[in-house]
Structure formats: C-alpha cells, structure tokens
N, C-alpha and C. Protein backbone atom coordinates (compact mmCIF):
# COMPACT_ATOMS: atom_id res chain seq x y z
N UNK A 1 17.84 9.34 -7.44
CA UNK A 1 18.79 8.91 -6.46
C UNK A 1 18.34 7.64 -5.74
N UNK A 2 17.02 7.48 -5.52
CA UNK A 2 16.52 6.32 -4.82
C UNK A 2 16.19 5.15 -5.75
N UNK A 3 16.26 5.37 -7.05
CA UNK A 3 15.91 4.32 -8.00
C UNK A 3 16.75 3.05 -7.82
N UNK A 4 18.07 3.12 -7.58
CA UNK A 4 18.83 1.88 -7.37
C UNK A 4 18.33 1.09 -6.17
N UNK A 5 17.91 1.79 -5.10
CA UNK A 5 17.39 1.10 -3.93
C UNK A 5 16.11 0.34 -4.28
N UNK A 6 15.22 0.98 -5.05
CA UNK A 6 13.97 0.35 -5.44
C UNK A 6 14.24 -0.85 -6.34
N UNK A 7 15.16 -0.70 -7.27
CA UNK A 7 15.48 -1.81 -8.18
C UNK A 7 16.10 -2.97 -7.42
N UNK A 8 17.00 -2.71 -6.48
CA UNK A 8 17.63 -3.78 -5.74
C UNK A 8 16.63 -4.46 -4.81
N UNK A 9 15.66 -3.71 -4.28
CA UNK A 9 14.66 -4.32 -3.42
C UNK A 9 13.77 -5.27 -4.21
N UNK A 10 13.52 -4.96 -5.47
CA UNK A 10 12.72 -5.86 -6.30
C UNK A 10 13.44 -7.19 -6.47
N UNK A 11 14.76 -7.16 -6.60
CA UNK A 11 15.51 -8.41 -6.73
C UNK A 11 15.53 -9.19 -5.42
N UNK A 12 15.63 -8.49 -4.29
CA UNK A 12 15.68 -9.16 -2.99
C UNK A 12 14.34 -9.77 -2.59
N UNK A 13 13.26 -9.05 -2.79
CA UNK A 13 11.96 -9.47 -2.29
C UNK A 13 11.06 -10.08 -3.37
N UNK A 14 11.49 -10.09 -4.61
CA UNK A 14 10.69 -10.68 -5.67
C UNK A 14 9.66 -9.75 -6.28
N UNK A 15 9.44 -8.60 -5.68
CA UNK A 15 8.52 -7.61 -6.24
C UNK A 15 8.97 -6.23 -5.78
N UNK A 16 8.63 -5.21 -6.55
CA UNK A 16 9.04 -3.86 -6.15
C UNK A 16 8.22 -3.38 -4.94
N UNK A 17 8.78 -2.45 -4.22
CA UNK A 17 8.09 -1.87 -3.08
C UNK A 17 6.83 -1.15 -3.55
N UNK A 18 5.80 -1.19 -2.71
CA UNK A 18 4.54 -0.51 -3.04
C UNK A 18 4.55 0.95 -2.63
N UNK A 19 5.33 1.27 -1.58
CA UNK A 19 5.40 2.65 -1.10
C UNK A 19 6.86 2.98 -0.81
N UNK A 20 7.27 4.18 -1.17
CA UNK A 20 8.62 4.66 -0.93
C UNK A 20 8.55 6.01 -0.24
N UNK A 21 9.30 6.17 0.84
CA UNK A 21 9.45 7.49 1.45
C UNK A 21 10.49 8.24 0.63
N UNK A 22 10.10 9.37 0.10
CA UNK A 22 11.01 10.15 -0.75
C UNK A 22 12.09 10.86 0.05
N UNK A 23 11.94 10.93 1.37
CA UNK A 23 12.94 11.61 2.20
C UNK A 23 13.96 10.65 2.79
N UNK A 24 13.49 9.59 3.46
CA UNK A 24 14.44 8.68 4.12
C UNK A 24 14.71 7.42 3.31
N UNK A 25 13.93 7.17 2.24
CA UNK A 25 14.17 6.02 1.38
C UNK A 25 13.62 4.70 1.89
N UNK A 26 12.85 4.72 3.00
CA UNK A 26 12.30 3.48 3.53
C UNK A 26 11.26 2.93 2.58
N UNK A 27 11.19 1.61 2.46
CA UNK A 27 10.28 0.94 1.53
C UNK A 27 9.28 0.08 2.28
N UNK A 28 8.05 0.05 1.77
CA UNK A 28 7.01 -0.83 2.31
C UNK A 28 6.49 -1.70 1.18
N UNK A 29 6.13 -2.93 1.50
CA UNK A 29 5.75 -3.92 0.49
C UNK A 29 4.31 -4.40 0.61
N UNK A 30 3.74 -4.43 1.79
CA UNK A 30 2.44 -5.05 2.02
C UNK A 30 1.26 -4.16 1.73
N UNK A 31 0.14 -4.81 1.39
CA UNK A 31 -1.10 -4.09 1.10
C UNK A 31 -1.63 -3.38 2.35
N UNK A 32 -1.44 -3.99 3.52
CA UNK A 32 -1.89 -3.37 4.75
C UNK A 32 -1.11 -2.09 5.02
N UNK A 33 0.19 -2.11 4.76
CA UNK A 33 1.01 -0.91 4.93
C UNK A 33 0.57 0.18 3.97
N UNK A 34 0.26 -0.20 2.73
CA UNK A 34 -0.21 0.79 1.74
C UNK A 34 -1.47 1.47 2.25
N UNK A 35 -2.39 0.68 2.75
CA UNK A 35 -3.65 1.24 3.25
C UNK A 35 -3.39 2.18 4.43
N UNK A 36 -2.62 1.71 5.40
CA UNK A 36 -2.33 2.53 6.57
C UNK A 36 -1.60 3.80 6.23
N UNK A 37 -0.62 3.70 5.35
CA UNK A 37 0.15 4.89 4.96
C UNK A 37 -0.70 5.88 4.18
N UNK A 38 -1.66 5.38 3.41
CA UNK A 38 -2.54 6.29 2.68
C UNK A 38 -3.43 7.07 3.65
N UNK A 39 -3.73 6.47 4.80
CA UNK A 39 -4.52 7.17 5.81
C UNK A 39 -3.66 8.20 6.53
N UNK A 40 -2.45 7.81 6.93
CA UNK A 40 -1.56 8.72 7.65
C UNK A 40 -1.12 9.87 6.75
N UNK A 41 -0.71 9.54 5.52
CA UNK A 41 -0.35 10.58 4.55
C UNK A 41 1.09 11.05 4.60
N UNK A 42 1.91 10.47 5.49
CA UNK A 42 3.32 10.83 5.55
C UNK A 42 4.09 9.65 6.13
N UNK A 43 5.40 9.69 6.04
CA UNK A 43 6.24 8.61 6.55
C UNK A 43 6.20 8.60 8.08
N UNK A 44 5.87 7.45 8.69
CA UNK A 44 5.86 7.40 10.15
C UNK A 44 7.26 7.42 10.76
N UNK A 45 8.27 7.18 9.95
CA UNK A 45 9.65 7.18 10.46
C UNK A 45 10.24 8.58 10.51
N UNK A 46 10.05 9.36 9.43
CA UNK A 46 10.70 10.67 9.36
C UNK A 46 9.74 11.82 9.07
N UNK A 47 8.48 11.51 8.77
CA UNK A 47 7.51 12.56 8.46
C UNK A 47 7.56 13.02 7.01
N UNK A 48 8.35 12.32 6.17
CA UNK A 48 8.54 12.72 4.78
C UNK A 48 7.38 12.38 3.87
N UNK A 49 7.54 12.76 2.61
CA UNK A 49 6.55 12.52 1.57
C UNK A 49 6.61 11.07 1.09
N UNK A 50 5.45 10.51 0.78
CA UNK A 50 5.37 9.13 0.31
C UNK A 50 5.08 9.08 -1.17
N UNK A 51 5.70 8.12 -1.84
CA UNK A 51 5.41 7.86 -3.25
C UNK A 51 4.80 6.46 -3.33
N UNK A 52 3.55 6.36 -3.82
CA UNK A 52 2.86 5.09 -3.96
C UNK A 52 3.08 4.57 -5.37
N UNK A 53 3.49 3.29 -5.48
CA UNK A 53 3.69 2.68 -6.80
C UNK A 53 2.38 2.70 -7.57
N UNK A 54 1.31 2.31 -6.94
CA UNK A 54 -0.03 2.36 -7.52
C UNK A 54 -0.84 3.33 -6.67
N UNK A 55 -1.82 3.95 -7.27
CA UNK A 55 -2.67 4.87 -6.51
C UNK A 55 -3.39 4.08 -5.42
N UNK A 56 -3.32 4.54 -4.15
CA UNK A 56 -4.05 3.84 -3.10
C UNK A 56 -5.54 3.88 -3.36
N UNK A 57 -6.25 2.86 -2.88
CA UNK A 57 -7.70 2.80 -3.08
C UNK A 57 -8.37 4.00 -2.42
N UNK A 58 -9.33 4.58 -3.12
CA UNK A 58 -10.04 5.72 -2.58
C UNK A 58 -9.37 7.03 -2.95
N UNK A 59 -10.09 8.08 -2.79
CA UNK A 59 -9.57 9.41 -3.10
C UNK A 59 -8.75 9.93 -1.93
N UNK A 60 -7.59 10.47 -2.22
CA UNK A 60 -6.75 11.02 -1.16
C UNK A 60 -7.42 12.22 -0.50
N UNK A 61 -8.29 12.95 -1.23
CA UNK A 61 -8.99 14.09 -0.64
C UNK A 61 -9.97 13.63 0.43
N UNK A 62 -10.66 12.52 0.17
CA UNK A 62 -11.60 11.99 1.15
C UNK A 62 -10.86 11.50 2.37
N UNK A 63 -9.75 10.78 2.17
CA UNK A 63 -8.97 10.25 3.28
C UNK A 63 -8.37 11.39 4.09
N UNK A 64 -7.81 12.39 3.44
CA UNK A 64 -7.16 13.48 4.15
C UNK A 64 -8.15 14.23 5.03
N UNK A 65 -9.37 14.39 4.59
CA UNK A 65 -10.36 15.10 5.37
C UNK A 65 -10.86 14.30 6.56
N UNK A 66 -10.71 12.98 6.52
CA UNK A 66 -11.24 12.11 7.57
C UNK A 66 -10.21 11.76 8.63
N UNK A 67 -8.99 12.24 8.49
CA UNK A 67 -7.91 11.84 9.38
C UNK A 67 -7.59 12.92 10.39
N UNK A 68 -7.43 12.49 11.63
CA UNK A 68 -6.97 13.39 12.68
C UNK A 68 -5.47 13.59 12.50
N UNK A 69 -5.04 14.81 12.34
CA UNK A 69 -3.63 15.10 12.10
C UNK A 69 -2.73 14.58 13.22
N UNK A 70 -3.26 14.44 14.41
CA UNK A 70 -2.48 14.01 15.56
C UNK A 70 -2.56 12.49 15.78
N UNK A 71 -3.14 11.76 14.84
CA UNK A 71 -3.30 10.31 14.97
C UNK A 71 -1.95 9.63 15.01
N UNK A 72 -1.77 8.77 15.98
CA UNK A 72 -0.52 8.03 16.15
C UNK A 72 -0.43 6.96 15.05
N UNK A 73 0.66 6.90 14.29
CA UNK A 73 0.79 5.89 13.23
C UNK A 73 0.60 4.47 13.73
N UNK A 74 0.99 4.17 14.97
CA UNK A 74 0.84 2.81 15.49
C UNK A 74 -0.63 2.41 15.63
N UNK A 75 -1.52 3.38 15.73
CA UNK A 75 -2.94 3.07 15.83
C UNK A 75 -3.50 2.64 14.48
N UNK A 76 -2.83 3.00 13.40
CA UNK A 76 -3.26 2.60 12.06
C UNK A 76 -2.46 1.38 11.60
N UNK A 77 -1.14 1.44 11.73
CA UNK A 77 -0.26 0.38 11.23
C UNK A 77 -0.01 -0.72 12.24
N UNK A 78 -0.31 -0.50 13.52
CA UNK A 78 0.04 -1.45 14.56
C UNK A 78 1.44 -1.15 15.07
N UNK A 79 1.75 -1.71 16.22
CA UNK A 79 3.08 -1.47 16.77
C UNK A 79 4.11 -2.27 16.00
N UNK A 80 5.32 -1.77 15.89
CA UNK A 80 6.37 -2.50 15.18
C UNK A 80 6.63 -3.86 15.83
N UNK A 81 6.92 -4.86 15.02
CA UNK A 81 7.18 -6.20 15.53
C UNK A 81 8.38 -6.21 16.46
N UNK A 82 9.32 -5.31 16.27
CA UNK A 82 10.50 -5.27 17.12
C UNK A 82 10.14 -4.91 18.55
N UNK A 83 9.00 -4.29 18.79
CA UNK A 83 8.57 -3.95 20.14
C UNK A 83 8.14 -5.18 20.91
N UNK A 84 7.80 -6.27 20.19
CA UNK A 84 7.34 -7.50 20.83
C UNK A 84 8.47 -8.31 21.43
N UNK A 85 9.69 -7.93 21.17
CA UNK A 85 10.84 -8.72 21.65
C UNK A 85 11.09 -8.54 23.10
C-alpha cells in the first residue's frame, strides 16, 4: 500500500527514502535521521514500526539495550525546524 508513496518520493527527491514508518507512511531521507531513528526504534510521529531501506549501522540488539525507553525523540533527532519559526 505504501509502495507508490516510496516510488513517488524517489522521483521528487532524486533518491528513495532511507526510512519508512509502516504505520503513518512518513519518510526520512538523511543519514542523521537514520541514525537517530535506529536509536529510538519507533516512529517519533505516531509510535509505529520503522522499515529501514538499508540495515542501520550496528546491531539493533546492542542499540535497543542501550536506550532509555522514555528518551525524548527530540534529544536524539533535535527539535523540528518548524519550532524555530
């Protein structure tokens, strides 16, 4: 169901998304987002499951054990740029 969104994003941005939320369909493109999302382990927008185009660096078991479940996504990814307005 989300495949058309991923394909159209590749045409718009010149490359396919690196991470896809399987629940809300949000897409991320940057390497920094991939790293941060691999630490958080879920979508910061809806809490859904993430699909990584490529396996994130490092073992997910090691990352999952090192993360505080209550960690605020903004502390890993930074505050959204829209908050700066």
